[in-house]
N, C-alpha and C. Protein backbone atom coordinates (compact mmCIF):
# COMPACT_ATOMS: atom_id res chain seq x y z
N MET A 1 0.82 -1.19 0.00
CA MET A 1 0.00 0.00 0.00
C MET A 1 0.87 1.26 0.00
N PHE A 2 1.91 1.25 0.85
CA PHE A 2 2.79 2.41 0.92
C PHE A 2 3.42 2.69 -0.44
N ARG A 3 3.82 1.62 -1.12
CA ARG A 3 4.46 1.78 -2.43
C ARG A 3 3.50 2.43 -3.43
N LEU A 4 2.23 2.05 -3.41
CA LEU A 4 1.24 2.65 -4.30
C LEU A 4 1.05 4.14 -3.98
N LEU A 5 1.00 4.47 -2.71
CA LEU A 5 0.88 5.88 -2.32
C LEU A 5 2.09 6.68 -2.78
N LEU A 6 3.28 6.11 -2.63
CA LEU A 6 4.49 6.79 -3.05
C LEU A 6 4.49 7.00 -4.56
N ILE A 7 4.10 6.03 -5.32
CA ILE A 7 4.02 6.14 -6.78
C ILE A 7 3.01 7.22 -7.17
N ALA A 8 1.87 7.23 -6.51
CA ALA A 8 0.86 8.25 -6.81
C ALA A 8 1.38 9.65 -6.48
N PHE A 9 2.07 9.79 -5.36
CA PHE A 9 2.63 11.08 -4.96
C PHE A 9 3.64 11.58 -5.99
N VAL A 10 4.53 10.71 -6.42
CA VAL A 10 5.54 11.08 -7.42
C VAL A 10 4.87 11.45 -8.74
N ALA A 11 3.83 10.75 -9.11
CA ALA A 11 3.10 11.07 -10.34
C ALA A 11 2.48 12.45 -10.27
N VAL A 12 1.92 12.80 -9.12
CA VAL A 12 1.34 14.13 -8.95
C VAL A 12 2.42 15.19 -9.04
N LEU A 13 3.57 14.96 -8.40
CA LEU A 13 4.67 15.91 -8.49
C LEU A 13 5.12 16.09 -9.93
N ASP A 14 5.27 14.99 -10.66
CA ASP A 14 5.68 15.08 -12.06
C ASP A 14 4.66 15.85 -12.89
N ALA A 15 3.40 15.61 -12.67
CA ALA A 15 2.35 16.30 -13.42
C ALA A 15 2.38 17.79 -13.14
N ASN A 16 2.56 18.15 -11.89
CA ASN A 16 2.63 19.57 -11.52
C ASN A 16 3.88 20.22 -12.04
N ALA A 17 5.00 19.51 -12.02
CA ALA A 17 6.26 20.09 -12.50
C ALA A 17 6.17 20.40 -13.98
N GLY A 18 5.49 19.57 -14.75
CA GLY A 18 5.37 19.79 -16.18
C GLY A 18 4.51 20.99 -16.54
N SER A 19 3.66 21.41 -15.63
CA SER A 19 2.77 22.53 -15.94
C SER A 19 3.16 23.80 -15.18
N ALA A 20 4.33 23.80 -14.58
CA ALA A 20 4.73 24.91 -13.74
C ALA A 20 4.80 26.22 -14.51
N GLN A 21 5.52 26.25 -15.59
CA GLN A 21 5.59 27.46 -16.41
C GLN A 21 4.92 27.17 -17.73
N THR A 22 4.21 28.16 -18.24
CA THR A 22 3.51 27.97 -19.50
C THR A 22 4.13 28.87 -20.57
N THR A 23 4.99 28.27 -21.37
CA THR A 23 5.58 28.97 -22.50
C THR A 23 4.47 29.28 -23.49
N PRO A 24 4.53 30.43 -24.15
CA PRO A 24 3.50 30.69 -25.16
C PRO A 24 3.43 29.55 -26.18
N SER A 25 2.22 29.09 -26.42
CA SER A 25 2.02 28.00 -27.39
C SER A 25 2.22 28.51 -28.81
N ASP A 26 2.35 27.60 -29.74
CA ASP A 26 2.48 27.99 -31.15
C ASP A 26 1.28 28.83 -31.59
N ARG A 27 0.10 28.45 -31.12
CA ARG A 27 -1.12 29.20 -31.46
C ARG A 27 -1.08 30.62 -30.90
N GLU A 28 -0.67 30.73 -29.62
CA GLU A 28 -0.56 32.06 -29.02
C GLU A 28 0.46 32.92 -29.77
N VAL A 29 1.59 32.34 -30.09
CA VAL A 29 2.62 33.07 -30.84
C VAL A 29 2.08 33.52 -32.18
N ALA A 30 1.35 32.65 -32.86
CA ALA A 30 0.77 33.01 -34.16
C ALA A 30 -0.23 34.16 -34.03
N ASP A 31 -0.91 34.23 -32.89
CA ASP A 31 -1.90 35.29 -32.66
C ASP A 31 -1.29 36.59 -32.16
N TYR A 32 -0.03 36.53 -31.71
CA TYR A 32 0.60 37.75 -31.19
C TYR A 32 0.76 38.80 -32.28
N GLY A 33 0.62 40.03 -31.86
CA GLY A 33 0.91 41.18 -32.71
C GLY A 33 1.70 42.17 -31.89
N GLY A 34 2.06 43.27 -32.48
CA GLY A 34 2.69 44.37 -31.78
C GLY A 34 3.92 43.97 -30.99
N LEU A 35 3.98 44.48 -29.75
CA LEU A 35 5.15 44.24 -28.90
C LEU A 35 5.35 42.77 -28.57
N PHE A 36 4.27 42.02 -28.46
CA PHE A 36 4.41 40.60 -28.15
C PHE A 36 5.12 39.86 -29.29
N ARG A 37 4.71 40.15 -30.51
CA ARG A 37 5.35 39.51 -31.66
C ARG A 37 6.80 39.96 -31.77
N ALA A 38 7.03 41.26 -31.61
CA ALA A 38 8.40 41.79 -31.70
C ALA A 38 9.28 41.18 -30.61
N ALA A 39 8.75 41.04 -29.40
CA ALA A 39 9.52 40.45 -28.30
C ALA A 39 9.85 39.00 -28.60
N HIS A 40 8.87 38.24 -29.07
CA HIS A 40 9.09 36.83 -29.37
C HIS A 40 10.11 36.65 -30.49
N ASN A 41 10.06 37.54 -31.47
CA ASN A 41 10.96 37.43 -32.62
C ASN A 41 12.31 38.11 -32.40
N GLY A 42 12.47 38.82 -31.29
CA GLY A 42 13.72 39.52 -31.04
C GLY A 42 13.93 40.73 -31.94
N ASP A 43 12.84 41.33 -32.36
CA ASP A 43 12.88 42.46 -33.30
C ASP A 43 13.02 43.77 -32.53
N VAL A 44 14.26 44.14 -32.23
CA VAL A 44 14.54 45.33 -31.42
C VAL A 44 14.06 46.60 -32.11
N LYS A 45 14.27 46.71 -33.41
CA LYS A 45 13.82 47.91 -34.13
C LYS A 45 12.31 48.08 -34.03
N MET A 46 11.58 47.01 -34.18
CA MET A 46 10.13 47.07 -34.07
C MET A 46 9.71 47.44 -32.65
N ILE A 47 10.39 46.90 -31.66
CA ILE A 47 10.08 47.26 -30.27
C ILE A 47 10.26 48.77 -30.10
N GLN A 48 11.36 49.29 -30.58
CA GLN A 48 11.63 50.73 -30.46
C GLN A 48 10.59 51.56 -31.19
N GLN A 49 10.18 51.12 -32.37
CA GLN A 49 9.17 51.85 -33.13
C GLN A 49 7.81 51.83 -32.42
N LEU A 50 7.44 50.68 -31.91
CA LEU A 50 6.15 50.55 -31.22
C LEU A 50 6.13 51.36 -29.93
N VAL A 51 7.22 51.36 -29.21
CA VAL A 51 7.31 52.16 -27.99
C VAL A 51 7.22 53.65 -28.33
N ALA A 52 7.92 54.07 -29.39
CA ALA A 52 7.87 55.47 -29.82
C ALA A 52 6.45 55.86 -30.23
N ALA A 53 5.68 54.89 -30.72
CA ALA A 53 4.29 55.14 -31.11
C ALA A 53 3.33 55.09 -29.92
N GLY A 54 3.87 54.84 -28.72
CA GLY A 54 3.04 54.88 -27.52
C GLY A 54 2.49 53.55 -27.04
N LYS A 55 2.97 52.44 -27.60
CA LYS A 55 2.47 51.13 -27.14
C LYS A 55 2.93 50.84 -25.72
N ASN A 56 2.12 50.14 -24.98
CA ASN A 56 2.36 49.84 -23.57
C ASN A 56 3.32 48.67 -23.42
N VAL A 57 4.52 48.93 -22.89
CA VAL A 57 5.52 47.86 -22.72
C VAL A 57 5.12 46.88 -21.61
N ASN A 58 4.11 47.24 -20.83
CA ASN A 58 3.65 46.35 -19.76
C ASN A 58 2.27 45.77 -20.05
N ALA A 59 1.90 45.74 -21.32
CA ALA A 59 0.63 45.13 -21.72
C ALA A 59 0.65 43.66 -21.32
N ARG A 60 -0.53 43.07 -21.22
CA ARG A 60 -0.66 41.66 -20.81
C ARG A 60 -1.38 40.85 -21.87
N ASP A 61 -0.90 39.62 -22.09
CA ASP A 61 -1.63 38.70 -22.96
C ASP A 61 -2.68 37.99 -22.11
N PRO A 62 -3.49 37.10 -22.69
CA PRO A 62 -4.55 36.45 -21.89
C PRO A 62 -4.05 35.64 -20.70
N ARG A 63 -2.78 35.28 -20.67
CA ARG A 63 -2.21 34.55 -19.53
C ARG A 63 -1.41 35.45 -18.60
N GLY A 64 -1.54 36.77 -18.80
CA GLY A 64 -0.89 37.72 -17.92
C GLY A 64 0.58 37.97 -18.22
N ARG A 65 1.06 37.41 -19.33
CA ARG A 65 2.46 37.62 -19.69
C ARG A 65 2.63 38.99 -20.32
N THR A 66 3.73 39.65 -19.98
CA THR A 66 4.09 40.91 -20.62
C THR A 66 5.03 40.60 -21.79
N PRO A 67 5.30 41.58 -22.64
CA PRO A 67 6.31 41.35 -23.68
C PRO A 67 7.66 40.90 -23.10
N ALA A 68 8.01 41.38 -21.90
CA ALA A 68 9.28 40.93 -21.28
C ALA A 68 9.24 39.44 -20.97
N HIS A 69 8.11 38.93 -20.49
CA HIS A 69 7.99 37.49 -20.24
C HIS A 69 8.14 36.73 -21.56
N VAL A 70 7.49 37.24 -22.60
CA VAL A 70 7.54 36.57 -23.91
C VAL A 70 8.98 36.54 -24.43
N ALA A 71 9.69 37.66 -24.30
CA ALA A 71 11.10 37.71 -24.72
C ALA A 71 11.93 36.71 -23.92
N ALA A 72 11.66 36.60 -22.62
CA ALA A 72 12.40 35.65 -21.79
C ALA A 72 12.13 34.22 -22.21
N PHE A 73 10.86 33.86 -22.42
CA PHE A 73 10.53 32.50 -22.85
C PHE A 73 11.20 32.17 -24.18
N ALA A 74 11.36 33.18 -25.06
CA ALA A 74 11.99 32.97 -26.36
C ALA A 74 13.51 33.12 -26.28
N SER A 75 14.03 33.46 -25.12
CA SER A 75 15.46 33.70 -24.90
C SER A 75 16.00 34.75 -25.87
N GLU A 76 15.24 35.83 -25.99
CA GLU A 76 15.61 36.94 -26.86
C GLU A 76 16.19 38.06 -25.99
N ASP A 77 17.48 37.95 -25.69
CA ASP A 77 18.14 38.85 -24.76
C ASP A 77 18.07 40.32 -25.19
N GLU A 78 18.34 40.60 -26.45
CA GLU A 78 18.35 42.00 -26.91
C GLU A 78 16.94 42.59 -26.90
N ALA A 79 15.94 41.78 -27.17
CA ALA A 79 14.56 42.26 -27.08
C ALA A 79 14.24 42.60 -25.62
N LEU A 80 14.69 41.76 -24.71
CA LEU A 80 14.47 42.03 -23.29
C LEU A 80 15.16 43.33 -22.89
N ARG A 81 16.36 43.53 -23.36
CA ARG A 81 17.09 44.77 -23.06
C ARG A 81 16.32 45.98 -23.59
N ALA A 82 15.83 45.89 -24.82
CA ALA A 82 15.09 47.01 -25.43
C ALA A 82 13.81 47.30 -24.65
N LEU A 83 13.13 46.26 -24.20
CA LEU A 83 11.91 46.46 -23.41
C LEU A 83 12.23 47.11 -22.06
N ALA A 84 13.28 46.66 -21.41
CA ALA A 84 13.67 47.25 -20.13
C ALA A 84 14.05 48.72 -20.31
N GLU A 85 14.80 49.02 -21.36
CA GLU A 85 15.18 50.40 -21.63
C GLU A 85 13.97 51.28 -21.91
N ALA A 86 12.90 50.66 -22.41
CA ALA A 86 11.67 51.39 -22.70
C ALA A 86 10.76 51.51 -21.47
N GLY A 87 11.19 50.94 -20.35
CA GLY A 87 10.42 51.08 -19.12
C GLY A 87 9.63 49.86 -18.69
N ALA A 88 9.87 48.72 -19.30
CA ALA A 88 9.15 47.50 -18.89
C ALA A 88 9.42 47.19 -17.42
N ASP A 89 8.40 46.74 -16.72
CA ASP A 89 8.52 46.34 -15.33
C ASP A 89 9.21 44.99 -15.27
N MET A 90 10.47 44.98 -14.90
CA MET A 90 11.24 43.74 -14.88
C MET A 90 10.85 42.82 -13.73
N ASN A 91 10.06 43.32 -12.80
CA ASN A 91 9.62 42.49 -11.68
C ASN A 91 8.16 42.05 -11.81
N ALA A 92 7.58 42.27 -12.98
CA ALA A 92 6.19 41.87 -13.21
C ALA A 92 6.06 40.35 -13.10
N LEU A 93 4.95 39.93 -12.53
CA LEU A 93 4.64 38.50 -12.44
C LEU A 93 3.48 38.21 -13.38
N GLU A 94 3.60 37.11 -14.11
CA GLU A 94 2.49 36.70 -14.97
C GLU A 94 1.49 35.92 -14.15
N ASP A 95 0.44 35.40 -14.78
CA ASP A 95 -0.68 34.79 -14.04
C ASP A 95 -0.28 33.62 -13.14
N GLN A 96 0.81 32.92 -13.46
CA GLN A 96 1.26 31.83 -12.61
C GLN A 96 2.33 32.32 -11.62
N ALA A 97 2.52 33.63 -11.56
CA ALA A 97 3.43 34.29 -10.62
C ALA A 97 4.90 34.08 -10.95
N TYR A 98 5.23 33.95 -12.23
CA TYR A 98 6.63 33.85 -12.64
C TYR A 98 7.11 35.19 -13.15
N ASP A 99 8.37 35.49 -12.86
CA ASP A 99 9.02 36.68 -13.38
C ASP A 99 10.09 36.25 -14.38
N VAL A 100 10.77 37.21 -14.98
CA VAL A 100 11.77 36.91 -16.00
C VAL A 100 12.92 36.09 -15.43
N VAL A 101 13.40 36.43 -14.23
CA VAL A 101 14.52 35.70 -13.64
C VAL A 101 14.15 34.24 -13.41
N THR A 102 12.95 33.97 -12.93
CA THR A 102 12.56 32.59 -12.68
C THR A 102 12.37 31.83 -13.99
N ILE A 103 11.88 32.51 -15.02
CA ILE A 103 11.79 31.89 -16.35
C ILE A 103 13.19 31.48 -16.80
N ALA A 104 14.17 32.37 -16.63
CA ALA A 104 15.55 32.06 -17.01
C ALA A 104 16.12 30.92 -16.18
N ALA A 105 15.82 30.91 -14.88
CA ALA A 105 16.33 29.86 -14.00
C ALA A 105 15.80 28.49 -14.41
N VAL A 106 14.51 28.41 -14.68
CA VAL A 106 13.90 27.14 -15.07
C VAL A 106 14.41 26.69 -16.43
N ALA A 107 14.66 27.65 -17.33
CA ALA A 107 15.17 27.33 -18.68
C ALA A 107 16.66 27.01 -18.68
N ASN A 108 17.31 27.14 -17.52
CA ASN A 108 18.75 26.89 -17.40
C ASN A 108 19.53 27.83 -18.34
N ASP A 109 19.20 29.10 -18.27
CA ASP A 109 19.77 30.12 -19.15
C ASP A 109 20.50 31.17 -18.31
N PRO A 110 21.77 30.88 -17.90
CA PRO A 110 22.49 31.81 -17.03
C PRO A 110 22.69 33.19 -17.65
N ALA A 111 22.90 33.28 -18.96
CA ALA A 111 23.10 34.58 -19.61
C ALA A 111 21.84 35.44 -19.49
N LEU A 112 20.68 34.83 -19.72
CA LEU A 112 19.42 35.56 -19.60
C LEU A 112 19.18 35.97 -18.15
N MET A 113 19.50 35.09 -17.21
CA MET A 113 19.31 35.42 -15.80
C MET A 113 20.19 36.61 -15.41
N THR A 114 21.46 36.58 -15.80
CA THR A 114 22.37 37.69 -15.51
C THR A 114 21.86 38.99 -16.10
N LEU A 115 21.42 38.92 -17.35
CA LEU A 115 20.89 40.12 -18.02
C LEU A 115 19.67 40.65 -17.28
N ALA A 116 18.75 39.78 -16.93
CA ALA A 116 17.53 40.21 -16.24
C ALA A 116 17.86 40.92 -14.93
N ILE A 117 18.82 40.39 -14.20
CA ILE A 117 19.22 41.01 -12.94
C ILE A 117 19.86 42.37 -13.21
N GLU A 118 20.72 42.44 -14.23
CA GLU A 118 21.33 43.72 -14.61
C GLU A 118 20.28 44.75 -15.00
N LEU A 119 19.18 44.29 -15.58
CA LEU A 119 18.12 45.19 -16.04
C LEU A 119 17.13 45.55 -14.94
N GLY A 120 17.35 45.05 -13.74
CA GLY A 120 16.52 45.45 -12.61
C GLY A 120 15.61 44.40 -12.03
N ASN A 121 15.64 43.18 -12.55
CA ASN A 121 14.80 42.12 -11.98
C ASN A 121 15.40 41.71 -10.63
N ASP A 122 14.59 41.69 -9.60
CA ASP A 122 15.02 41.32 -8.26
C ASP A 122 15.05 39.80 -8.13
N PRO A 123 16.24 39.18 -8.02
CA PRO A 123 16.30 37.72 -7.93
C PRO A 123 15.75 37.15 -6.64
N GLY A 124 15.46 38.01 -5.66
CA GLY A 124 14.93 37.54 -4.39
C GLY A 124 13.42 37.56 -4.30
N LEU A 125 12.74 37.91 -5.42
CA LEU A 125 11.28 37.92 -5.39
C LEU A 125 10.74 36.53 -5.11
N THR A 126 9.65 36.49 -4.36
CA THR A 126 8.92 35.23 -4.18
C THR A 126 8.04 35.08 -5.40
N THR A 127 8.27 34.01 -6.13
CA THR A 127 7.56 33.79 -7.38
C THR A 127 7.00 32.38 -7.44
N SER A 128 6.22 32.14 -8.44
CA SER A 128 5.65 30.84 -8.77
C SER A 128 4.52 30.47 -7.81
N PRO A 129 3.69 29.53 -8.24
CA PRO A 129 2.62 29.05 -7.35
C PRO A 129 3.17 28.33 -6.13
N TYR A 130 4.48 28.02 -6.14
CA TYR A 130 5.11 27.28 -5.05
C TYR A 130 5.75 28.21 -4.03
N ASP A 131 5.58 29.55 -4.21
CA ASP A 131 6.14 30.54 -3.28
C ASP A 131 7.62 30.34 -3.04
N GLY A 132 8.37 30.26 -4.13
CA GLY A 132 9.81 30.11 -4.04
C GLY A 132 10.51 31.28 -4.70
N THR A 133 11.77 31.12 -4.96
CA THR A 133 12.55 32.12 -5.68
C THR A 133 13.19 31.45 -6.88
N ALA A 134 13.79 32.25 -7.73
CA ALA A 134 14.50 31.71 -8.89
C ALA A 134 15.61 30.75 -8.45
N LEU A 135 16.30 31.10 -7.37
CA LEU A 135 17.38 30.25 -6.86
C LEU A 135 16.85 28.89 -6.44
N ILE A 136 15.72 28.87 -5.77
CA ILE A 136 15.13 27.60 -5.34
C ILE A 136 14.74 26.76 -6.56
N ALA A 137 14.14 27.40 -7.56
CA ALA A 137 13.75 26.67 -8.78
C ALA A 137 14.97 26.09 -9.47
N ALA A 138 16.03 26.89 -9.61
CA ALA A 138 17.24 26.41 -10.27
C ALA A 138 17.89 25.27 -9.50
N ALA A 139 17.96 25.39 -8.19
CA ALA A 139 18.56 24.34 -7.37
C ALA A 139 17.74 23.06 -7.45
N HIS A 140 16.42 23.20 -7.38
CA HIS A 140 15.53 22.04 -7.46
C HIS A 140 15.72 21.28 -8.78
N LEU A 141 15.95 22.02 -9.86
CA LEU A 141 16.10 21.40 -11.17
C LEU A 141 17.55 20.98 -11.48
N GLY A 142 18.47 21.29 -10.56
CA GLY A 142 19.86 20.90 -10.76
C GLY A 142 20.61 21.78 -11.75
N HIS A 143 20.18 23.01 -11.91
CA HIS A 143 20.81 23.93 -12.86
C HIS A 143 21.98 24.65 -12.17
N VAL A 144 23.11 23.97 -12.12
CA VAL A 144 24.26 24.41 -11.34
C VAL A 144 24.79 25.76 -11.79
N LYS A 145 24.91 25.99 -13.10
CA LYS A 145 25.45 27.26 -13.59
C LYS A 145 24.55 28.42 -13.21
N VAL A 146 23.26 28.23 -13.25
CA VAL A 146 22.33 29.28 -12.86
C VAL A 146 22.45 29.56 -11.37
N VAL A 147 22.58 28.52 -10.57
CA VAL A 147 22.71 28.69 -9.12
C VAL A 147 23.97 29.50 -8.81
N ARG A 148 25.07 29.18 -9.49
CA ARG A 148 26.32 29.93 -9.27
C ARG A 148 26.13 31.38 -9.58
């Protein structure tokens, strides 16, 4: 009986771990326009043009992601830099309570994590539905370079 309970517990953990962060789906990406599309594609010139035209760098998609979150999920460092320079809130949390640093930590992307911190993202924020930090997420996943 104990073995069955342990197997069920591990299965629940695995199911939850797989749904922890929600990267924009292919359908969502196809539907993106404006800053979201530019962020996903790493189109710095378009980001600059849209910002100059008055577009909101902190706009939200249906899942609460900002263009900065989208750039982070796509690992588009220069797009993230352009958004931050335009005033994007680097500490914004999307609907599942993830910020850019935690997205980078889970993706095992030390360069993106370093950049996000340089751009003003607070690595000590409590994020995620698990009330942790980027460091906890990286350590849990065994992402040694990110932890360092």
